[in-house]
Amino acid sequence: MTRARAKAMDEVPPPAVPASSGPDPADDPALPTDQRLVLAAERLFAERGIDAVSLRSVMAEAGANVASVHYHFGSKDALVEALISRRSEQLHTRRAELLDAVEASGTPDARALADAFVRPVGELAATGGTPWIRLVAGIMSGNHPALARLTEGFAPQAQRFNALLEQIAPETAPRTRRFRLTQAMNLTFQTLGDPDGLRGMLALSGTRLSAGELLTELIDTVTAILTGPPDR
């Protein structure tokens, strides 16, 4: 990366990662019932895990009647799919913009690629998406069946990341690139799904990071994961 390019990237302000999500929009009676159900499910699933939450709990949290989930979604599986899709489109759209810029540069570098991977998740967290990010982290770590839906949605962008990684490090084996992308995704969602937990652990060693510093450290770490040592 040239010094000018690095400086330009450093001047892009990282999004704030909120310490708390504030008042829950699911409590707003003015919202349509289906939106309240999705928001309530997002919060409960993120806190307890999908399988530990009943539809009755979701309906109670949303202040909806017993038949509302079945009326709006048909089943719990359909509710989970709607929940995943709700923020995935926003995430994929933003990531596509950043990948377009990386591809247009003609000389992709690892940190720009890591930034395109991490920054959209950080921006999502800054706009109230932390529970959704935590939910996705739980789906991945628990190998929940909903992982298939997540993987399907990410597949087109995974191909773009793979192609760019191949340009950056053509000597790296395809399976190694796929492994590194998977680890980068796990780390990104685990970190930004629980930033307060990470800050608490770091504070034990006297390390305190602002939201912007945390995001910068995460992008640097993902850069290291994506490039890694050369194949042996």
C-alpha atoms as a PDB file:
ATOM      1  CA  MET A   1       0.000   0.000   0.000  1.00  0.00           C
ATOM      2  CA  THR A   2       1.337   3.463  -0.847  1.00  0.00           C
ATOM      3  CA  ARG A   3       1.768   6.025   1.932  1.00  0.00           C
ATOM      4  CA  ALA A   4      -0.843   8.292   0.301  1.00  0.00           C
ATOM      5  CA  ARG A   5      -3.359   5.478   0.063  1.00  0.00           C
ATOM      6  CA  ALA A   6      -2.770   4.473   3.690  1.00  0.00           C
ATOM      7  CA  LYS A   7      -3.199   8.088   4.795  1.00  0.00           C
ATOM      8  CA  ALA A   8      -6.468   8.372   2.844  1.00  0.00           C
ATOM      9  CA  MET A   9      -7.814   5.243   4.491  1.00  0.00           C
ATOM     10  CA  ASP A  10      -6.806   6.460   7.941  1.00  0.00           C
ATOM     11  CA  GLU A  11      -8.761   9.661   7.346  1.00  0.00           C
ATOM     12  CA  VAL A  12     -12.010   7.738   6.896  1.00  0.00           C
ATOM     13  CA  PRO A  13     -13.635   7.966  10.336  1.00  0.00           C
ATOM     14  CA  PRO A  14     -14.593   4.593  11.783  1.00  0.00           C
ATOM     15  CA  PRO A  15     -18.221   4.201  12.867  1.00  0.00           C
ATOM     16  CA  ALA A  16     -18.964   4.275  16.547  1.00  0.00           C
ATOM     17  CA  VAL A  17     -19.833   1.005  18.194  1.00  0.00           C
ATOM     18  CA  PRO A  18     -22.487   1.791  20.783  1.00  0.00           C
ATOM     19  CA  ALA A  19     -22.007   0.599  24.339  1.00  0.00           C
ATOM     20  CA  SER A  20     -25.714  -0.148  24.596  1.00  0.00           C
ATOM     21  CA  SER A  21     -28.596  -0.355  22.174  1.00  0.00           C
ATOM     22  CA  GLY A  22     -30.799   2.109  24.099  1.00  0.00           C
ATOM     23  CA  PRO A  23     -34.598   1.821  24.180  1.00  0.00           C
ATOM     24  CA  ASP A  24     -35.896  -1.171  22.289  1.00  0.00           C
ATOM     25  CA  PRO A  25     -37.942  -0.202  19.203  1.00  0.00           C
ATOM     26  CA  ALA A  26     -39.982  -3.378  19.779  1.00  0.00           C
ATOM     27  CA  ASP A  27     -41.662  -1.498  22.648  1.00  0.00           C
ATOM     28  CA  ASP A  28     -43.045   1.155  20.282  1.00  0.00           C
ATOM     29  CA  PRO A  29     -46.792   0.458  19.867  1.00  0.00           C
ATOM     30  CA  ALA A  30     -46.854   2.696  16.785  1.00  0.00           C
ATOM     31  CA  LEU A  31     -44.811   0.161  14.794  1.00  0.00           C
ATOM     32  CA  PRO A  32     -46.658  -2.396  12.681  1.00  0.00           C
ATOM     33  CA  THR A  33     -47.068  -5.755  14.401  1.00  0.00           C
ATOM     34  CA  ASP A  34     -44.746  -7.624  12.031  1.00  0.00           C
ATOM     35  CA  GLN A  35     -41.916  -5.146  12.700  1.00  0.00           C
ATOM     36  CA  ARG A  36     -42.414  -5.372  16.465  1.00  0.00           C
ATOM     37  CA  LEU A  37     -42.279  -9.158  16.231  1.00  0.00           C
ATOM     38  CA  VAL A  38     -39.027  -9.102  14.238  1.00  0.00           C
ATOM     39  CA  LEU A  39     -37.399  -6.629  16.635  1.00  0.00           C
ATOM     40  CA  ALA A  40     -38.544  -8.590  19.690  1.00  0.00           C
ATOM     41  CA  ALA A  41     -37.274 -11.845  18.167  1.00  0.00           C
ATOM     42  CA  GLU A  42     -33.955 -10.214  17.293  1.00  0.00           C
ATOM     43  CA  ARG A  43     -33.404  -9.123  20.882  1.00  0.00           C
ATOM     44  CA  LEU A  44     -34.525 -12.374  22.496  1.00  0.00           C
ATOM     45  CA  PHE A  45     -32.703 -14.647  20.055  1.00  0.00           C
ATOM     46  CA  ALA A  46     -29.522 -12.602  20.506  1.00  0.00           C
ATOM     47  CA  GLU A  47     -29.756 -12.836  24.306  1.00  0.00           C
ATOM     48  CA  ARG A  48     -30.772 -16.490  24.702  1.00  0.00           C
ATOM     49  CA  GLY A  49     -30.275 -18.254  21.373  1.00  0.00           C
ATOM     50  CA  ILE A  50     -32.909 -19.158  18.810  1.00  0.00           C
ATOM     51  CA  ASP A  51     -33.768 -22.595  20.172  1.00  0.00           C
ATOM     52  CA  ALA A  52     -34.174 -21.344  23.755  1.00  0.00           C
ATOM     53  CA  VAL A  53     -36.890 -18.825  22.845  1.00  0.00           C
ATOM     54  CA  SER A  54     -40.492 -19.823  22.227  1.00  0.00           C
ATOM     55  CA  LEU A  55     -42.847 -18.056  19.867  1.00  0.00           C
ATOM     56  CA  ARG A  56     -45.036 -17.263  22.874  1.00  0.00           C
ATOM     57  CA  SER A  57     -42.088 -15.384  24.423  1.00  0.00           C
ATOM     58  CA  VAL A  58     -41.602 -13.405  21.230  1.00  0.00           C
ATOM     59  CA  MET A  59     -45.279 -12.484  21.107  1.00  0.00           C
ATOM     60  CA  ALA A  60     -45.273 -11.422  24.756  1.00  0.00           C
ATOM     61  CA  GLU A  61     -42.167  -9.294  24.212  1.00  0.00           C
ATOM     62  CA  ALA A  62     -43.772  -7.608  21.204  1.00  0.00           C
ATOM     63  CA  GLY A  63     -47.135  -7.146  22.915  1.00  0.00           C
ATOM     64  CA  ALA A  64     -48.805  -9.149  20.155  1.00  0.00           C
ATOM     65  CA  ASN A  65     -51.584 -11.727  20.300  1.00  0.00           C
ATOM     66  CA  VAL A  66     -51.102 -15.475  20.120  1.00  0.00           C
ATOM     67  CA  ALA A  67     -51.835 -15.866  16.422  1.00  0.00           C
ATOM     68  CA  SER A  68     -49.748 -12.935  15.188  1.00  0.00           C
ATOM     69  CA  VAL A  69     -46.507 -14.808  14.373  1.00  0.00           C
ATOM     70  CA  HIS A  70     -48.372 -17.428  12.374  1.00  0.00           C
ATOM     71  CA  TYR A  71     -50.398 -14.743  10.603  1.00  0.00           C
ATOM     72  CA  HIS A  72     -47.395 -12.639   9.591  1.00  0.00           C
ATOM     73  CA  PHE A  73     -44.702 -15.301   9.133  1.00  0.00           C
ATOM     74  CA  GLY A  74     -46.282 -18.749   9.174  1.00  0.00           C
ATOM     75  CA  SER A  75     -43.687 -20.420  11.400  1.00  0.00           C
ATOM     76  CA  LYS A  76     -40.704 -19.835  13.643  1.00  0.00           C
ATOM     77  CA  ASP A  77     -38.340 -20.848  10.831  1.00  0.00           C
ATOM     78  CA  ALA A  78     -39.899 -18.203   8.562  1.00  0.00           C
ATOM     79  CA  LEU A  79     -39.541 -15.614  11.331  1.00  0.00           C
ATOM     80  CA  VAL A  80     -35.837 -16.498  11.672  1.00  0.00           C
ATOM     81  CA  GLU A  81     -35.365 -16.172   7.908  1.00  0.00           C
ATOM     82  CA  ALA A  82     -37.093 -12.786   7.878  1.00  0.00           C
ATOM     83  CA  LEU A  83     -34.876 -11.705  10.765  1.00  0.00           C
ATOM     84  CA  ILE A  84     -31.702 -12.721   8.955  1.00  0.00           C
ATOM     85  CA  SER A  85     -32.780 -11.011   5.733  1.00  0.00           C
ATOM     86  CA  ARG A  86     -33.804  -7.820   7.543  1.00  0.00           C
ATOM     87  CA  ARG A  87     -30.284  -6.472   7.985  1.00  0.00           C
ATOM     88  CA  SER A  88     -28.389  -8.709   5.562  1.00  0.00           C
ATOM     89  CA  GLU A  89     -29.431  -6.597   2.582  1.00  0.00           C
ATOM     90  CA  GLN A  90     -28.139  -3.416   4.224  1.00  0.00           C
ATOM     91  CA  LEU A  91     -24.872  -5.148   5.084  1.00  0.00           C
ATOM     92  CA  HIS A  92     -24.394  -6.621   1.604  1.00  0.00           C
ATOM     93  CA  THR A  93     -25.210  -3.330  -0.136  1.00  0.00           C
ATOM     94  CA  ARG A  94     -22.619  -1.401   1.877  1.00  0.00           C
ATOM     95  CA  ARG A  95     -20.014  -4.136   1.484  1.00  0.00           C
ATOM     96  CA  ALA A  96     -20.610  -4.193  -2.285  1.00  0.00           C
ATOM     97  CA  GLU A  97     -19.858  -0.448  -2.443  1.00  0.00           C
ATOM     98  CA  LEU A  98     -16.542  -0.949  -0.667  1.00  0.00           C
ATOM     99  CA  LEU A  99     -15.635  -3.970  -2.785  1.00  0.00           C
ATOM    100  CA  ASP A 100     -16.393  -1.944  -5.925  1.00  0.00           C
ATOM    101  CA  ALA A 101     -13.858   0.652  -4.745  1.00  0.00           C
ATOM    102  CA  VAL A 102     -11.240  -2.030  -4.009  1.00  0.00           C
ATOM    103  CA  GLU A 103     -11.711  -3.588  -7.444  1.00  0.00           C
ATOM    104  CA  ALA A 104     -11.657  -0.197  -9.165  1.00  0.00           C
ATOM    105  CA  SER A 105      -8.293   0.637  -7.594  1.00  0.00           C
ATOM    106  CA  GLY A 106      -6.615  -1.898  -9.861  1.00  0.00           C
ATOM    107  CA  THR A 107      -4.129  -2.765  -7.104  1.00  0.00           C
ATOM    108  CA  PRO A 108      -6.074  -4.331  -4.227  1.00  0.00           C
ATOM    109  CA  ASP A 109      -4.317  -4.593  -0.899  1.00  0.00           C
ATOM    110  CA  ALA A 110      -5.113  -6.665   2.164  1.00  0.00           C
ATOM    111  CA  ARG A 111      -6.059  -3.820   4.507  1.00  0.00           C
ATOM    112  CA  ALA A 112      -8.514  -2.324   2.030  1.00  0.00           C
ATOM    113  CA  LEU A 113     -10.067  -5.760   1.706  1.00  0.00           C
ATOM    114  CA  ALA A 114     -10.247  -6.179   5.495  1.00  0.00           C
ATOM    115  CA  ASP A 115     -11.835  -2.736   5.755  1.00  0.00           C
ATOM    116  CA  ALA A 116     -14.501  -3.776   3.229  1.00  0.00           C
ATOM    117  CA  PHE A 117     -15.137  -6.859   5.334  1.00  0.00           C
ATOM    118  CA  VAL A 118     -15.304  -5.252   8.792  1.00  0.00           C
ATOM    119  CA  ARG A 119     -16.509  -1.680   8.326  1.00  0.00           C
ATOM    120  CA  PRO A 120     -20.065  -2.514   7.168  1.00  0.00           C
ATOM    121  CA  VAL A 121     -20.591  -4.601  10.305  1.00  0.00           C
ATOM    122  CA  GLY A 122     -19.269  -1.729  12.448  1.00  0.00           C
ATOM    123  CA  GLU A 123     -21.617   0.697  10.719  1.00  0.00           C
ATOM    124  CA  LEU A 124     -24.508  -1.683  11.296  1.00  0.00           C
ATOM    125  CA  ALA A 125     -23.650  -1.811  14.993  1.00  0.00           C
ATOM    126  CA  ALA A 126     -23.615   1.987  15.110  1.00  0.00           C
ATOM    127  CA  THR A 127     -27.188   2.116  13.789  1.00  0.00           C
ATOM    128  CA  GLY A 128     -28.698  -0.244  16.353  1.00  0.00           C
ATOM    129  CA  GLY A 129     -27.761  -3.560  14.776  1.00  0.00           C
ATOM    130  CA  THR A 130     -25.697  -4.974  17.657  1.00  0.00           C
ATOM    131  CA  PRO A 131     -28.354  -7.545  18.697  1.00  0.00           C
ATOM    132  CA  TRP A 132     -28.538  -8.789  15.095  1.00  0.00           C
ATOM    133  CA  ILE A 133     -24.748  -9.058  14.924  1.00  0.00           C
ATOM    134  CA  ARG A 134     -24.743 -10.979  18.218  1.00  0.00           C
ATOM    135  CA  LEU A 135     -27.451 -13.266  16.846  1.00  0.00           C
ATOM    136  CA  VAL A 136     -25.405 -14.003  13.723  1.00  0.00           C
ATOM    137  CA  ALA A 137     -22.342 -14.696  15.879  1.00  0.00           C
ATOM    138  CA  GLY A 138     -24.389 -17.202  17.858  1.00  0.00           C
ATOM    139  CA  ILE A 139     -25.693 -18.878  14.708  1.00  0.00           C
ATOM    140  CA  MET A 140     -22.136 -19.315  13.440  1.00  0.00           C
ATOM    141  CA  SER A 141     -20.584 -20.487  16.705  1.00  0.00           C
ATOM    142  CA  GLY A 142     -23.446 -22.899  17.394  1.00  0.00           C
ATOM    143  CA  ASN A 143     -23.649 -24.216  13.816  1.00  0.00           C
ATOM    144  CA  HIS A 144     -27.386 -23.537  13.899  1.00  0.00           C
ATOM    145  CA  PRO A 145     -29.427 -24.638  10.840  1.00  0.00           C
ATOM    146  CA  ALA A 146     -29.982 -20.936  10.049  1.00  0.00           C
ATOM    147  CA  LEU A 147     -26.296 -20.856   9.087  1.00  0.00           C
ATOM    148  CA  ALA A 148     -27.263 -22.249   5.676  1.00  0.00           C
ATOM    149  CA  ARG A 149     -29.348 -19.135   5.000  1.00  0.00           C
ATOM    150  CA  LEU A 150     -26.499 -16.861   6.085  1.00  0.00           C
ATOM    151  CA  THR A 151     -23.999 -18.728   3.914  1.00  0.00           C
ATOM    152  CA  GLU A 152     -26.283 -18.584   0.898  1.00  0.00           C
ATOM    153  CA  GLY A 153     -26.640 -14.827   1.242  1.00  0.00           C
ATOM    154  CA  PHE A 154     -22.900 -14.240   1.631  1.00  0.00           C
ATOM    155  CA  ALA A 155     -21.839 -16.589  -1.198  1.00  0.00           C
ATOM    156  CA  PRO A 156     -21.697 -13.986  -4.047  1.00  0.00           C
ATOM    157  CA  GLN A 157     -19.531 -11.629  -1.979  1.00  0.00           C
ATOM    158  CA  ALA A 158     -17.391 -14.519  -0.739  1.00  0.00           C
ATOM    159  CA  GLN A 159     -16.514 -15.165  -4.379  1.00  0.00           C
ATOM    160  CA  ARG A 160     -15.450 -11.542  -4.784  1.00  0.00           C
ATOM    161  CA  PHE A 161     -13.330 -11.661  -1.636  1.00  0.00           C
ATOM    162  CA  ASN A 162     -11.722 -14.893  -2.822  1.00  0.00           C
ATOM    163  CA  ALA A 163     -10.907 -13.416  -6.216  1.00  0.00           C
ATOM    164  CA  LEU A 164      -9.330 -10.319  -4.648  1.00  0.00           C
ATOM    165  CA  LEU A 165      -7.371 -12.404  -2.158  1.00  0.00           C
ATOM    166  CA  GLU A 166      -6.052 -14.452  -5.043  1.00  0.00           C
ATOM    167  CA  GLN A 167      -4.764 -11.253  -6.666  1.00  0.00           C
ATOM    168  CA  ILE A 168      -3.138 -10.143  -3.407  1.00  0.00           C
ATOM    169  CA  ALA A 169      -1.562 -13.524  -2.561  1.00  0.00           C
ATOM    170  CA  PRO A 170      -1.704 -15.794  -5.627  1.00  0.00           C
ATOM    171  CA  GLU A 171       0.545 -18.364  -3.938  1.00  0.00           C
ATOM    172  CA  THR A 172      -2.076 -19.056  -1.245  1.00  0.00           C
ATOM    173  CA  ALA A 173      -4.043 -22.288  -1.674  1.00  0.00           C
ATOM    174  CA  PRO A 174      -7.828 -21.916  -2.257  1.00  0.00           C
ATOM    175  CA  ARG A 175      -8.660 -23.892   0.894  1.00  0.00           C
ATOM    176  CA  THR A 176      -6.420 -21.550   2.919  1.00  0.00           C
ATOM    177  CA  ARG A 177      -8.194 -18.490   1.528  1.00  0.00           C
ATOM    178  CA  ARG A 178     -11.582 -19.999   2.416  1.00  0.00           C
ATOM    179  CA  PHE A 179     -10.375 -20.884   5.912  1.00  0.00           C
ATOM    180  CA  ARG A 180      -9.078 -17.348   6.489  1.00  0.00           C
ATOM    181  CA  LEU A 181     -12.317 -15.769   5.255  1.00  0.00           C
ATOM    182  CA  THR A 182     -14.306 -17.966   7.621  1.00  0.00           C
ATOM    183  CA  GLN A 183     -12.094 -17.014  10.555  1.00  0.00           C
ATOM    184  CA  ALA A 184     -12.305 -13.323   9.598  1.00  0.00           C
ATOM    185  CA  MET A 185     -16.097 -13.540   9.595  1.00  0.00           C
ATOM    186  CA  ASN A 186     -16.213 -15.329  12.955  1.00  0.00           C
ATOM    187  CA  LEU A 187     -13.905 -12.799  14.604  1.00  0.00           C
ATOM    188  CA  THR A 188     -15.738  -9.795  13.154  1.00  0.00           C
ATOM    189  CA  PHE A 189     -19.171 -10.876  14.339  1.00  0.00           C
ATOM    190  CA  GLN A 190     -17.984 -12.145  17.732  1.00  0.00           C
ATOM    191  CA  THR A 191     -16.145  -8.865  18.401  1.00  0.00           C
ATOM    192  CA  LEU A 192     -18.798  -6.430  17.200  1.00  0.00           C
ATOM    193  CA  GLY A 193     -21.628  -8.510  18.633  1.00  0.00           C
ATOM    194  CA  ASP A 194     -20.239  -8.001  22.148  1.00  0.00           C
ATOM    195  CA  PRO A 195     -17.888  -4.993  22.165  1.00  0.00           C
ATOM    196  CA  ASP A 196     -18.515  -4.325  25.867  1.00  0.00           C
ATOM    197  CA  GLY A 197     -17.447  -7.854  26.764  1.00  0.00           C
ATOM    198  CA  LEU A 198     -14.211  -7.463  24.838  1.00  0.00           C
ATOM    199  CA  ARG A 199     -13.513  -4.073  26.395  1.00  0.00           C
ATOM    200  CA  GLY A 200     -14.082  -5.603  29.817  1.00  0.00           C
ATOM    201  CA  MET A 201     -11.514  -8.320  29.143  1.00  0.00           C
ATOM    202  CA  LEU A 202      -9.003  -5.798  27.827  1.00  0.00           C
ATOM    203  CA  ALA A 203      -9.550  -3.534  30.841  1.00  0.00           C
ATOM    204  CA  LEU A 204      -8.256  -6.317  33.103  1.00  0.00           C
ATOM    205  CA  SER A 205      -4.831  -5.765  31.544  1.00  0.00           C
ATOM    206  CA  GLY A 206      -5.132  -1.982  31.722  1.00  0.00           C
ATOM    207  CA  THR A 207      -6.006  -1.636  28.030  1.00  0.00           C
ATOM    208  CA  ARG A 208      -8.869   0.696  27.176  1.00  0.00           C
ATOM    209  CA  LEU A 209     -10.057   1.228  23.629  1.00  0.00           C
ATOM    210  CA  SER A 210     -12.512   3.725  22.257  1.00  0.00           C
ATOM    211  CA  ALA A 211     -15.064   2.517  19.727  1.00  0.00           C
ATOM    212  CA  GLY A 212     -12.926   3.838  16.881  1.00  0.00           C
ATOM    213  CA  GLU A 213      -9.757   2.256  18.251  1.00  0.00           C
ATOM    214  CA  LEU A 214     -11.523  -1.078  18.659  1.00  0.00           C
ATOM    215  CA  LEU A 215     -12.641  -1.008  15.037  1.00  0.00           C
ATOM    216  CA  THR A 216      -9.155  -0.072  13.819  1.00  0.00           C
ATOM    217  CA  GLU A 217      -7.602  -2.920  15.809  1.00  0.00           C
ATOM    218  CA  LEU A 218     -10.178  -5.325  14.425  1.00  0.00           C
ATOM    219  CA  ILE A 219      -9.478  -4.257  10.823  1.00  0.00           C
ATOM    220  CA  ASP A 220      -5.739  -4.684  11.416  1.00  0.00           C
ATOM    221  CA  THR A 221      -6.286  -8.154  12.896  1.00  0.00           C
ATOM    222  CA  VAL A 222      -8.519  -9.223  10.025  1.00  0.00           C
ATOM    223  CA  THR A 223      -5.831  -7.950   7.632  1.00  0.00           C
ATOM    224  CA  ALA A 224      -3.351 -10.270   9.317  1.00  0.00           C
ATOM    225  CA  ILE A 225      -5.800 -13.178   9.127  1.00  0.00           C
ATOM    226  CA  LEU A 226      -6.494 -12.682   5.429  1.00  0.00           C
ATOM    227  CA  THR A 227      -2.853 -12.449   4.449  1.00  0.00           C
ATOM    228  CA  GLY A 228      -1.280 -14.764   7.009  1.00  0.00           C
ATOM    229  CA  PRO A 229       2.133 -16.355   6.513  1.00  0.00           C
ATOM    230  CA  PRO A 230       3.024 -17.684   3.054  1.00  0.00           C
ATOM    231  CA  ASP A 231       2.094 -21.293   2.336  1.00  0.00           C
ATOM    232  CA  ARG A 232       4.700 -23.762   3.492  1.00  0.00           C
END
